[in-house]
Structure formats: C-alpha cells, structure tokens
Amino acid sequence: MSKPKLAKFAELKTFPNVLQNFSFRNPSLTGCKGEKKDLKGKWNSNFFGNENPIVLELGCGKGDYTVELAAHEAAKNFIGVDLKGSRIWTGAKRALELKLPNAAFVRTRIEMLPHFFAPSEVSEIWLTFPDPYPKRSKANKRLISPFFLEKYRQFCRPGAVIHLKTDEPALFHYAVQAASLAPCKILTMIEDIYRNGPPAGELAIQTYYEKMHLEEGRTIRYLKFLLH
C-alpha cells in the first residue's frame, strides 16, 4: 500500500531534487531545506552544475519519462513538472534511488513556468498523455493549445522540440492543427506508434497511463514539431 498523501507531502519537502511553489500569488520556488530558490536563468549553473540542454516533462504525473530519459541520456538535464505532489513523489523518489544527478521535479502549475525559467533556457518539452479537455470551452487548458504554446515561447529557445504522446485522436488532430497555425515545423506525425511492433528509442518508454491505455486497446499517437 502506498504512503498516505500527507506523509508523501512531508517527505517531498526533504527531497533535494524537488522544488515547490506553494503560493501562486507569490511566484517563488522552495527547496528541501525550506529555502527560497531563485533559479530563473541559473538552472544549469546553480542546480545541475553543467551546461547541458534542459528538457521539461509537463504534466509529468509519476515522472516516467523524466526518470527514464535521465537514466539513458546523461548529456541532458530533465525536469518533471506537475501540480500533484503525491505523483511527483513517485518519480522523485525513484530518481534519488537511481542516483540520477540530471533529474529534478518542480511542483507548480504549468502557467507559472515563465516565472521560473528564463528566455531560451529550455530546449525540449515532452507532453505525455495530457488531459484532453474535450469541451470546446476548455480548449485553452489543453497543454498543446495556442495559449500554452505562447507560454512555452517565453522560456524555450527558438526551434525547441515539442513532443506529444496521446491516446486521444481528437487531441492529436487538434495538436497538429495548432502546430500548423503557429506556425511550427512538424517533424514527425505517427497515427499509431505500435502499428509495426514495439517502438524504439524514446517512444519505447511507457508511462503509467500508456500501459493502462494499451490494456484497454487504445491507439497511441505521437507528434513532434519545432516551436518557432
């Protein structure tokens, strides 16, 4: 049985690879010793201690991509972002157990990220099975919407790579349209990544939700484009 949420929240405050934003009216990050951390524009120098590219997994959930990518790509720094502390606890705990110096987690709303990352500080973004928000009135909440693409431009370098994996066909086609209108350069568009057998490389990583969707017989789609 997993630890109760309150116990996880308490332990999360002791993790050296986790930064948290506790007040959306006060855009600041707090580290494991309760200290305020100003890392905007200084993630490489003051946190990771290298000049490697920074990759974000937004809406990371249990941090499956953050941990697996960090374990296999030592030349990049990976940061999982989610609001749910109990989910982040799982990924952060595993990253510590694996002793991954290039994996970190930020607990905050994604809308807050321009407060914590400087222009051109991020090179790549993964969106793994984000909430599709199917109602048209909720379109701006989709992490691939023009609203969020504009947020990403505030801290991504020109030509940053955006990845989307989803089981929702409507969200996939919405994302293709949003990228086309931005305009962004679409690099890869796959309607079924398992059509010809198990995928290779980065696409082979399966999140908790992907495994669940596959058990239900759902099709997994993938989109990769450059953010301009």
Protein backbone atom coordinates (compact mmCIF):
# COMPACT_ATOMS: atom_id res chain seq x y z
CA MET A 1 0.00 0.00 0.00
CA SER A 2 1.32 3.45 -0.91
CA LYS A 3 2.06 6.02 1.74
CA PRO A 4 -0.78 8.37 2.66
CA LYS A 5 -0.67 11.65 0.80
CA LEU A 6 0.20 13.74 3.85
CA ALA A 7 3.23 11.54 4.54
CA LYS A 8 4.34 11.87 0.92
CA PHE A 9 3.94 15.66 1.03
CA ALA A 10 6.09 15.80 4.15
CA GLU A 11 8.79 13.61 2.64
CA LEU A 12 8.70 15.59 -0.60
CA LYS A 13 9.95 18.63 1.32
CA THR A 14 13.12 16.69 2.18
CA PHE A 15 13.99 15.66 -1.39
CA PRO A 16 16.99 17.59 -2.82
CA ASN A 17 15.72 17.06 -6.39
CA VAL A 18 12.33 18.72 -5.81
CA LEU A 19 11.40 22.42 -5.92
CA GLN A 20 7.91 23.56 -4.98
CA ASN A 21 5.76 26.63 -5.49
CA PHE A 22 3.37 26.86 -2.56
CA SER A 23 1.58 30.10 -3.45
CA PHE A 24 0.51 31.04 -6.96
CA ARG A 25 0.25 34.65 -5.84
CA ASN A 26 3.90 34.52 -4.80
CA PRO A 27 5.89 33.06 -7.73
CA SER A 28 8.87 31.59 -5.91
CA LEU A 29 10.36 28.12 -5.52
CA THR A 30 11.21 26.45 -2.23
CA GLY A 31 13.89 23.78 -1.87
CA CYS A 32 14.29 20.85 0.50
CA LYS A 33 15.51 22.95 3.45
CA GLY A 34 12.68 25.45 3.15
CA GLU A 35 14.95 27.94 1.43
CA LYS A 36 13.70 30.15 -1.38
CA LYS A 37 15.41 29.23 -4.65
CA ASP A 38 15.87 31.75 -7.45
CA LEU A 39 16.88 29.53 -10.37
CA LYS A 40 15.46 31.52 -13.28
CA GLY A 41 18.25 31.67 -15.83
CA LYS A 42 20.52 29.70 -13.48
CA TRP A 43 19.31 26.12 -13.64
CA ASN A 44 22.47 24.95 -15.38
CA SER A 45 24.95 26.79 -13.19
CA ASN A 46 23.23 26.71 -9.78
CA PHE A 47 21.32 23.43 -9.84
CA PHE A 48 22.70 20.93 -12.35
CA GLY A 49 26.25 22.25 -12.41
CA ASN A 50 26.66 21.80 -16.18
CA GLU A 51 25.70 23.42 -19.47
CA ASN A 52 23.66 20.53 -20.85
CA PRO A 53 20.30 21.18 -22.57
CA ILE A 54 17.26 21.31 -20.30
CA VAL A 55 14.22 19.15 -21.12
CA LEU A 56 10.83 19.51 -19.41
CA GLU A 57 8.15 16.85 -18.99
CA LEU A 58 4.97 18.85 -18.42
CA GLY A 59 2.10 17.25 -16.56
CA CYS A 60 4.64 14.57 -15.70
CA GLY A 61 2.46 12.55 -13.32
CA LYS A 62 4.66 9.88 -11.80
CA GLY A 63 7.62 11.17 -13.82
CA ASP A 64 8.06 8.10 -16.02
CA TYR A 65 9.63 10.00 -18.91
CA THR A 66 11.69 12.27 -16.69
CA VAL A 67 13.33 9.33 -14.91
CA GLU A 68 13.78 7.03 -17.91
CA LEU A 69 15.17 9.74 -20.17
CA ALA A 70 17.54 10.94 -17.45
CA ALA A 71 18.76 7.37 -16.91
CA HIS A 72 19.61 6.94 -20.60
CA GLU A 73 20.63 10.45 -21.70
CA ALA A 74 23.31 11.74 -19.35
CA ALA A 75 24.10 14.66 -21.70
CA LYS A 76 20.74 16.32 -20.96
CA ASN A 77 19.04 17.64 -17.81
CA PHE A 78 15.41 16.61 -17.24
CA ILE A 79 12.77 18.33 -15.11
CA GLY A 80 9.31 16.89 -14.50
CA VAL A 81 6.57 19.42 -13.76
CA ASP A 82 3.23 18.63 -12.15
CA LEU A 83 0.88 20.08 -9.57
CA LYS A 84 0.14 16.76 -7.84
CA GLY A 85 2.67 16.23 -5.07
CA SER A 86 1.78 12.59 -4.47
CA ARG A 87 2.54 11.82 -8.12
CA ILE A 88 5.80 13.75 -8.19
CA TRP A 89 6.86 11.89 -5.03
CA THR A 90 6.95 8.64 -7.01
CA GLY A 91 9.25 9.96 -9.74
CA ALA A 92 11.47 11.99 -7.42
CA LYS A 93 11.91 9.01 -5.07
CA ARG A 94 12.90 6.75 -7.95
CA ALA A 95 15.35 9.33 -9.35
CA LEU A 96 17.03 9.53 -5.94
CA GLU A 97 17.21 5.75 -5.67
CA LEU A 98 18.81 5.58 -9.12
CA LYS A 99 21.16 8.45 -8.16
CA LEU A 100 20.32 10.49 -11.24
CA PRO A 101 22.02 13.90 -10.98
CA ASN A 102 20.29 15.09 -14.16
CA ALA A 103 16.70 14.55 -12.98
CA ALA A 104 14.64 17.08 -10.99
CA PHE A 105 11.00 17.89 -10.34
CA VAL A 106 9.04 21.12 -9.93
CA ARG A 107 5.67 21.11 -8.26
CA THR A 108 3.68 24.01 -9.68
CA ARG A 109 1.09 25.00 -12.26
CA ILE A 110 2.46 24.98 -15.80
CA GLU A 111 1.18 28.54 -16.28
CA MET A 112 3.74 29.60 -13.66
CA LEU A 113 6.79 28.35 -15.55
CA PRO A 114 7.72 31.71 -17.14
CA HIS A 115 8.43 32.88 -13.57
CA PHE A 116 10.94 30.07 -13.05
CA PHE A 117 12.70 29.74 -16.42
CA ALA A 118 14.44 32.48 -18.39
CA PRO A 119 14.07 33.09 -22.15
CA SER A 120 15.78 30.36 -24.21
CA GLU A 121 16.60 28.31 -21.08
CA VAL A 122 14.64 25.21 -22.18
CA SER A 123 15.49 23.17 -25.28
CA GLU A 124 12.81 20.49 -25.35
CA ILE A 125 9.36 19.66 -23.96
CA TRP A 126 7.54 16.34 -23.54
CA LEU A 127 3.75 16.23 -23.17
CA THR A 128 2.85 12.67 -22.21
CA PHE A 129 -0.87 11.88 -22.17
CA PRO A 130 -2.09 15.32 -21.08
CA ASP A 131 -5.71 15.90 -20.14
CA PRO A 132 -7.55 16.32 -23.49
CA TYR A 133 -10.20 18.74 -22.14
CA PRO A 134 -12.67 17.67 -24.86
CA LYS A 135 -15.14 20.53 -24.32
CA ARG A 136 -14.52 23.43 -26.70
CA SER A 137 -14.94 25.89 -23.81
CA LYS A 138 -11.90 24.30 -22.12
CA ALA A 139 -9.65 24.41 -25.21
CA ASN A 140 -7.20 26.88 -23.65
CA LYS A 141 -6.49 24.35 -20.89
CA ARG A 142 -5.04 21.87 -23.40
CA LEU A 143 -1.27 21.85 -22.99
CA ILE A 144 -0.85 22.00 -26.76
CA SER A 145 -3.20 24.97 -27.25
CA PRO A 146 -2.03 28.32 -28.69
CA PHE A 147 -2.32 29.72 -25.15
CA PHE A 148 0.26 27.27 -23.82
CA LEU A 149 2.44 27.38 -26.93
CA GLU A 150 2.82 31.10 -26.28
CA LYS A 151 3.77 30.35 -22.66
CA TYR A 152 6.45 27.93 -23.86
CA ARG A 153 7.90 30.55 -26.21
CA GLN A 154 8.66 32.70 -23.17
CA PHE A 155 11.27 30.25 -21.87
CA CYS A 156 12.12 27.93 -24.81
CA ARG A 157 14.91 28.57 -27.26
CA PRO A 158 13.87 29.22 -30.89
CA GLY A 159 13.35 25.90 -32.60
CA ALA A 160 12.80 24.00 -29.34
CA VAL A 161 11.49 20.46 -29.86
CA ILE A 162 7.97 19.64 -28.63
CA HIS A 163 6.83 16.01 -28.25
CA LEU A 164 3.25 14.86 -27.71
CA LYS A 165 2.09 11.31 -26.93
CA THR A 166 -1.66 10.82 -26.58
CA ASP A 167 -4.37 8.20 -26.84
CA GLU A 168 -6.99 10.81 -27.73
CA PRO A 169 -7.47 11.18 -31.53
CA ALA A 170 -9.30 14.50 -31.16
CA LEU A 171 -6.45 15.99 -29.11
CA PHE A 172 -3.88 14.65 -31.57
CA HIS A 173 -5.56 16.28 -34.56
CA TYR A 174 -6.12 19.46 -32.57
CA ALA A 175 -2.37 19.50 -31.83
CA VAL A 176 -1.50 19.05 -35.50
CA GLN A 177 -3.73 21.98 -36.36
CA ALA A 178 -2.35 24.15 -33.54
CA ALA A 179 1.22 23.44 -34.61
CA SER A 180 0.39 24.18 -38.25
CA LEU A 181 -1.25 27.50 -37.42
CA ALA A 182 1.50 28.64 -35.01
CA PRO A 183 3.31 28.16 -37.45
CA CYS A 184 5.67 25.39 -36.36
CA LYS A 185 7.62 22.86 -38.37
CA ILE A 186 6.17 19.38 -37.93
CA LEU A 187 8.95 16.78 -37.92
CA THR A 188 7.10 13.55 -37.14
CA MET A 189 3.43 12.59 -37.10
CA ILE A 190 2.52 8.98 -36.29
CA GLU A 191 -1.10 7.83 -36.01
CA ASP A 192 -0.18 4.54 -34.30
CA ILE A 193 3.28 4.07 -32.82
CA TYR A 194 2.64 0.32 -32.29
CA ARG A 195 1.37 -0.39 -35.79
CA ASN A 196 4.61 -2.09 -36.86
CA GLY A 197 5.53 -3.56 -33.49
CA PRO A 198 7.02 -2.05 -30.34
CA PRO A 199 8.53 1.42 -30.94
CA ALA A 200 12.22 2.09 -30.34
CA GLY A 201 14.19 4.77 -28.52
CA GLU A 202 12.35 7.47 -26.62
CA LEU A 203 8.95 6.27 -27.81
CA ALA A 204 9.52 2.90 -26.16
CA ILE A 205 9.13 4.46 -22.70
CA GLN A 206 5.71 3.65 -21.32
CA THR A 207 4.07 5.82 -18.70
CA TYR A 208 1.59 4.54 -16.15
CA TYR A 209 -1.23 5.92 -18.31
CA GLU A 210 0.15 4.50 -21.55
CA LYS A 211 0.22 0.99 -20.08
CA MET A 212 -3.36 1.45 -18.95
CA HIS A 213 -4.47 2.71 -22.38
CA LEU A 214 -2.75 -0.18 -24.14
CA GLU A 215 -4.54 -2.68 -21.90
CA GLU A 216 -7.79 -1.03 -22.97
CA GLY A 217 -6.83 -1.44 -26.64
CA ARG A 218 -6.44 2.27 -27.32
CA THR A 219 -4.19 3.62 -30.09
CA ILE A 220 -1.14 5.69 -29.08
CA ARG A 221 -0.29 8.65 -31.30
CA TYR A 222 2.86 10.79 -31.48
CA LEU A 223 3.61 14.28 -32.75
CA LYS A 224 6.98 16.04 -32.85
CA PHE A 225 7.48 19.62 -34.02
CA LEU A 226 9.75 22.63 -33.71
CA LEU A 227 8.46 25.62 -31.76
CA HIS A 228 9.05 28.90 -33.62
